[in-house]
Protein backbone atom coordinates (compact mmCIF):
# COMPACT_ATOMS: atom_id res chain seq x y z
CA UNK A 1 0.00 0.00 0.00
CA UNK A 2 2.84 2.39 0.79
CA UNK A 3 4.56 1.62 -2.49
CA UNK A 4 1.34 2.04 -4.49
CA UNK A 5 0.73 5.46 -2.91
CA UNK A 6 4.35 6.62 -3.36
CA UNK A 7 5.23 6.70 0.38
CA UNK A 8 7.80 3.90 0.42
CA UNK A 9 10.72 6.37 0.80
CA UNK A 10 9.08 8.50 3.52
CA UNK A 11 8.89 8.05 7.27
CA UNK A 12 6.71 5.03 8.19
CA UNK A 13 6.17 5.94 11.86
CA UNK A 14 2.67 7.33 11.34
CA UNK A 15 1.61 4.29 9.33
CA UNK A 16 2.94 1.94 12.01
CA UNK A 17 0.86 3.73 14.66
CA UNK A 18 -2.19 3.59 12.39
CA UNK A 19 -2.09 -0.16 11.76
CA UNK A 20 -0.77 -1.23 15.18
CA UNK A 21 -4.06 -0.33 16.90
CA UNK A 22 -6.31 -2.01 14.31
CA UNK A 23 -7.97 1.23 13.25
CA UNK A 24 -8.43 0.06 9.65
CA UNK A 25 -11.00 -2.56 8.65
CA UNK A 26 -9.05 -4.73 6.21
CA UNK A 27 -12.24 -6.56 5.26
CA UNK A 28 -13.72 -3.41 3.70
CA UNK A 29 -10.54 -2.92 1.68
CA UNK A 30 -10.81 -6.50 0.40
CA UNK A 31 -14.49 -5.91 -0.51
CA UNK A 32 -13.45 -3.07 -2.81
CA UNK A 33 -10.84 -5.30 -4.45
CA UNK A 34 -13.45 -8.05 -4.97
CA UNK A 35 -16.00 -5.70 -6.49
CA UNK A 36 -13.51 -4.13 -8.89
CA UNK A 37 -12.08 -7.51 -9.89
CA UNK A 38 -15.53 -8.92 -10.71
CA UNK A 39 -16.25 -5.90 -12.92
CA UNK A 40 -13.46 -7.11 -15.21
CA UNK A 41 -15.34 -10.37 -15.86
CA UNK A 42 -18.12 -11.03 -18.33
CA UNK A 43 -21.71 -11.35 -17.11
CA UNK A 44 -21.85 -15.16 -17.24
CA UNK A 45 -18.19 -15.82 -16.48
CA UNK A 46 -17.17 -17.92 -13.46
CA UNK A 47 -15.14 -16.43 -10.65
CA UNK A 48 -11.80 -18.26 -10.46
CA UNK A 49 -10.07 -18.01 -7.08
CA UNK A 50 -6.75 -19.37 -5.80
CA UNK A 51 -6.22 -20.12 -2.11
CA UNK A 52 -3.08 -21.28 -0.32
CA UNK A 53 -1.23 -20.72 2.93
CA UNK A 54 1.98 -18.72 3.17
CA UNK A 55 4.69 -18.00 5.73
CA UNK A 56 6.15 -14.56 6.37
CA UNK A 57 9.61 -14.58 7.89
CA UNK A 58 9.99 -12.49 11.04
CA UNK A 59 12.83 -11.70 13.43
CA UNK A 60 11.07 -10.29 16.49
CA UNK A 61 10.20 -12.82 19.20
CA UNK A 62 7.33 -10.69 20.56
CA UNK A 63 5.41 -10.30 17.29
CA UNK A 64 1.88 -11.74 17.74
CA UNK A 65 1.27 -15.11 16.10
CA UNK A 66 4.91 -15.92 15.39
CA UNK A 67 6.37 -19.37 15.99
CA UNK A 68 8.84 -21.89 14.61
CA UNK A 69 7.48 -23.54 11.48
CA UNK A 70 8.79 -25.87 8.82
CA UNK A 71 10.30 -24.10 5.85
CA UNK A 72 8.39 -25.21 2.72
CA UNK A 73 11.30 -24.06 0.55
CA UNK A 74 13.83 -26.24 2.39
CA UNK A 75 15.46 -29.27 0.77
CA UNK A 76 13.45 -32.51 0.88
CA UNK A 77 16.30 -34.42 2.58
CA UNK A 78 16.52 -32.04 5.57
CA UNK A 79 13.83 -30.23 7.56
CA UNK A 80 14.52 -26.54 8.13
CA UNK A 81 12.61 -24.25 10.48
CA UNK A 82 11.92 -20.54 10.19
CA UNK A 83 10.44 -18.00 12.60
CA UNK A 84 7.41 -16.41 11.03
CA UNK A 85 3.66 -15.83 10.78
CA UNK A 86 1.19 -18.06 8.98
CA UNK A 87 -1.41 -16.59 6.63
CA UNK A 88 -4.06 -17.81 4.19
CA UNK A 89 -3.95 -15.86 0.95
CA UNK A 90 -6.89 -15.64 -1.45
CA UNK A 91 -6.50 -14.23 -4.97
CA UNK A 92 -8.92 -13.78 -7.86
CA UNK A 93 -7.81 -14.59 -11.40
CA UNK A 94 -8.53 -11.86 -13.94
CA UNK A 95 -8.20 -13.16 -17.52
CA UNK A 96 -6.33 -11.21 -20.13
CA UNK A 97 -8.84 -9.97 -22.72
CA UNK A 98 -6.20 -10.04 -25.44
CA UNK A 99 -5.04 -13.60 -24.79
CA UNK A 100 -7.31 -16.40 -23.50
CA UNK A 101 -4.36 -18.28 -21.97
CA UNK A 102 -3.08 -15.64 -19.54
CA UNK A 103 -4.48 -14.23 -16.32
CA UNK A 104 -3.42 -12.06 -13.42
CA UNK A 105 -4.06 -12.93 -9.77
CA UNK A 106 -5.46 -10.04 -7.70
CA UNK A 107 -5.13 -10.50 -3.89
CA UNK A 108 -8.54 -10.18 -2.22
CA UNK A 109 -7.81 -11.79 1.15
CA UNK A 110 -4.90 -12.15 3.54
CA UNK A 111 -5.93 -13.79 6.81
CA UNK A 112 -3.67 -14.37 9.81
CA UNK A 113 -3.96 -17.97 11.06
CA UNK A 114 -1.78 -18.39 14.15
CA UNK A 115 -1.63 -21.47 16.34
CA UNK A 116 -1.95 -21.30 20.14
CA UNK A 117 1.16 -21.49 22.24
CA UNK A 118 1.78 -24.67 24.18
CA UNK A 119 0.75 -24.73 27.80
CA UNK A 120 3.06 -25.12 30.75
CA UNK A 121 3.15 -28.37 32.70
CA UNK A 122 1.24 -26.82 35.61
CA UNK A 123 -1.78 -25.91 33.45
CA UNK A 124 -5.20 -26.67 34.88
CA UNK A 125 -7.71 -29.04 33.30
CA UNK A 126 -9.84 -26.09 32.17
CA UNK A 127 -6.86 -24.48 30.46
CA UNK A 128 -6.06 -27.77 28.71
CA UNK A 129 -9.61 -28.07 27.38
CA UNK A 130 -9.53 -24.47 26.15
CA UNK A 131 -6.17 -25.07 24.48
CA UNK A 132 -7.47 -28.15 22.66
CA UNK A 133 -10.52 -26.27 21.40
CA UNK A 134 -8.45 -23.31 20.15
CA UNK A 135 -5.98 -25.70 18.50
CA UNK A 136 -8.84 -27.48 16.77
CA UNK A 137 -10.31 -24.23 15.46
CA UNK A 138 -6.92 -23.00 14.19
CA UNK A 139 -6.42 -25.89 11.73
CA UNK A 140 -5.66 -24.68 8.22
CA UNK A 141 -8.29 -26.92 6.65
CA UNK A 142 -11.01 -25.53 8.93
CA UNK A 143 -9.87 -21.95 8.44
CA UNK A 144 -9.77 -22.49 4.69
CA UNK A 145 -13.32 -23.87 4.74
CA UNK A 146 -14.51 -20.78 6.62
CA UNK A 147 -12.77 -18.49 4.12
CA UNK A 148 -14.47 -20.25 1.18
CA UNK A 149 -17.84 -19.92 2.86
CA UNK A 150 -17.23 -16.27 3.66
CA UNK A 151 -16.16 -15.56 0.08
CA UNK A 152 -19.33 -17.17 -1.28
CA UNK A 153 -21.43 -15.08 1.10
CA UNK A 154 -19.55 -11.94 0.03
CA UNK A 155 -20.35 -12.63 -3.64
CA UNK A 156 -24.02 -13.11 -2.76
CA UNK A 157 -24.09 -9.83 -0.83
CA UNK A 158 -22.68 -8.01 -3.85
CA UNK A 159 -25.48 -9.35 -6.12
CA UNK A 160 -23.38 -12.05 -7.77
CA UNK A 161 -25.50 -15.06 -6.84
CA UNK A 162 -25.65 -16.17 -10.48
CA UNK A 163 -21.87 -16.60 -10.68
CA UNK A 164 -20.22 -19.92 -9.89
CA UNK A 165 -17.25 -19.76 -7.55
CA UNK A 166 -14.44 -21.99 -8.80
CA UNK A 167 -11.61 -22.22 -6.27
CA UNK A 168 -8.20 -23.88 -6.71
CA UNK A 169 -6.48 -25.29 -3.63
CA UNK A 170 -3.49 -27.40 -2.70
CA UNK A 171 -3.63 -30.94 -1.42
CA UNK A 172 -3.76 -29.79 2.21
CA UNK A 173 -7.29 -28.45 1.59
CA UNK A 174 -8.55 -31.41 -0.43
CA UNK A 175 -9.93 -33.26 2.57
CA UNK A 176 -13.25 -34.00 4.22
CA UNK A 177 -13.18 -30.83 6.35
CA UNK A 178 -13.31 -28.64 3.24
CA UNK A 179 -15.12 -30.86 0.76
CA UNK A 180 -18.04 -31.79 3.00
CA UNK A 181 -18.73 -28.15 3.85
CA UNK A 182 -18.60 -26.53 0.43
CA UNK A 183 -21.33 -23.90 -0.03
CA UNK A 184 -23.76 -23.91 -2.92
CA UNK A 185 -22.68 -22.79 -6.40
CA UNK A 186 -19.07 -23.55 -5.52
CA UNK A 187 -16.67 -25.84 -7.38
CA UNK A 188 -13.38 -26.93 -5.86
CA UNK A 189 -10.35 -28.05 -7.86
CA UNK A 190 -7.59 -29.63 -5.80
CA UNK A 191 -4.89 -32.23 -5.70
CA UNK A 192 -5.20 -35.52 -3.88
CA UNK A 193 -2.67 -37.93 -2.43
CA UNK A 194 -1.47 -40.69 -4.69
CA UNK A 195 -2.51 -43.32 -2.11
CA UNK A 196 -6.11 -42.05 -1.85
CA UNK A 197 -8.65 -44.85 -2.20
CA UNK A 198 -11.11 -44.01 -4.97
CA UNK A 199 -14.28 -45.96 -5.69
CA UNK A 200 -16.90 -45.85 -8.38
CA UNK A 201 -20.44 -45.22 -7.05
CA UNK A 202 -22.56 -48.32 -6.53
CA UNK A 203 -25.44 -47.86 -8.96
CA UNK A 204 -26.77 -51.43 -9.07
CA UNK A 205 -29.96 -52.67 -7.48
CA UNK A 206 -29.46 -54.22 -4.05
CA UNK A 207 -32.16 -56.55 -2.77
CA UNK A 208 -32.67 -57.91 0.70
CA UNK A 209 -32.12 -56.49 4.14
CA UNK A 210 -29.05 -54.86 5.55
CA UNK A 211 -27.10 -51.71 4.96
CA UNK A 212 -27.21 -50.41 1.43
CA UNK A 213 -23.95 -50.36 -0.44
CA UNK A 214 -22.44 -46.99 -1.28
CA UNK A 215 -19.06 -47.87 -2.78
CA UNK A 216 -18.67 -49.73 -6.01
CA UNK A 217 -15.53 -51.15 -7.58
CA UNK A 218 -12.25 -49.59 -6.60
CA UNK A 219 -10.23 -47.77 -9.22
CA UNK A 220 -6.76 -49.36 -9.60
CA UNK A 221 -3.98 -47.29 -8.01
CA UNK A 222 -2.04 -47.02 -11.25
CA UNK A 223 -4.98 -45.18 -12.85
CA UNK A 224 -5.10 -42.38 -10.28
CA UNK A 225 -3.34 -39.64 -12.20
CA UNK A 226 -5.71 -36.70 -12.40
CA UNK A 227 -7.30 -33.75 -10.62
CA UNK A 228 -10.56 -33.37 -8.77
CA UNK A 229 -12.98 -31.34 -10.90
CA UNK A 230 -16.04 -31.08 -8.67
CA UNK A 231 -17.70 -32.70 -5.71
CA UNK A 232 -21.18 -33.14 -4.30
CA UNK A 233 -21.19 -34.71 -0.83
CA UNK A 234 -18.72 -37.58 -1.11
CA UNK A 235 -19.20 -37.99 -4.87
CA UNK A 236 -16.33 -36.79 -7.01
CA UNK A 237 -15.67 -36.17 -10.66
CA UNK A 238 -12.09 -37.03 -11.42
CA UNK A 239 -10.31 -35.92 -14.57
CA UNK A 240 -8.22 -38.81 -15.85
CA UNK A 241 -6.40 -37.74 -18.96
CA UNK A 242 -9.19 -36.62 -21.32
CA UNK A 243 -12.07 -38.36 -19.52
CA UNK A 244 -14.27 -37.44 -16.55
CA UNK A 245 -15.10 -40.32 -14.20
CA UNK A 246 -17.66 -40.15 -11.40
CA UNK A 247 -16.45 -41.87 -8.26
CA UNK A 248 -16.69 -41.97 -4.45
CA UNK A 249 -13.85 -41.33 -2.03
CA UNK A 250 -13.43 -43.28 1.20
CA UNK A 251 -11.87 -41.02 3.85
CA UNK A 252 -9.45 -42.61 6.29
CA UNK A 253 -8.70 -41.36 9.80
CA UNK A 254 -5.13 -40.65 8.75
């Protein structure tokens, strides 16, 4: 913001005092970005959104929400840790009108997602229960699900109910927490683990008593090379090469 307004080479003290006391509603700024980004789309065009988590490196030990976290840019053979803050970033893709193959991502959301600090050994039972509840609510998958729901509600408030929200996520958000809580008129495209068990839906007639079958034949593991296109409940549409296959995913506790 300082660079865009030409204040990057001036004294920042006044800006630090302004933002340190939370005097600015960042949500209203994001609403303006969303509204202006949608105006660049055609009337019947889908809204394409990218969502992923990011780490900002910090040096101060007293900065709120900072902790030691695994460096995603570290080498695969050695785990590195960095001191920083964790955020969920949401960006809208604006297509280039001159070329149908290019787009520009406009940031419309930057949400701080810290994790609670560990308790001391002398913590009471009430403090332990509170810590577990806060830790559960601070999971990235749950926070990402809330951000998708909030974004869908924001589009509806701005009279864009007719537009389909198509959101791209990483494999950490392609789980039951996000997929089972997708709002209406929302399509999710994400990666899945290569060891995910995928099943075709059981569409045959089942006679007799007992629990009705839900899962059909399992897709061989060597055929699982595609991306999730859409989901309704636990029913998926998987893109395998040039074909779309309807299937059912069986979630494991792992």
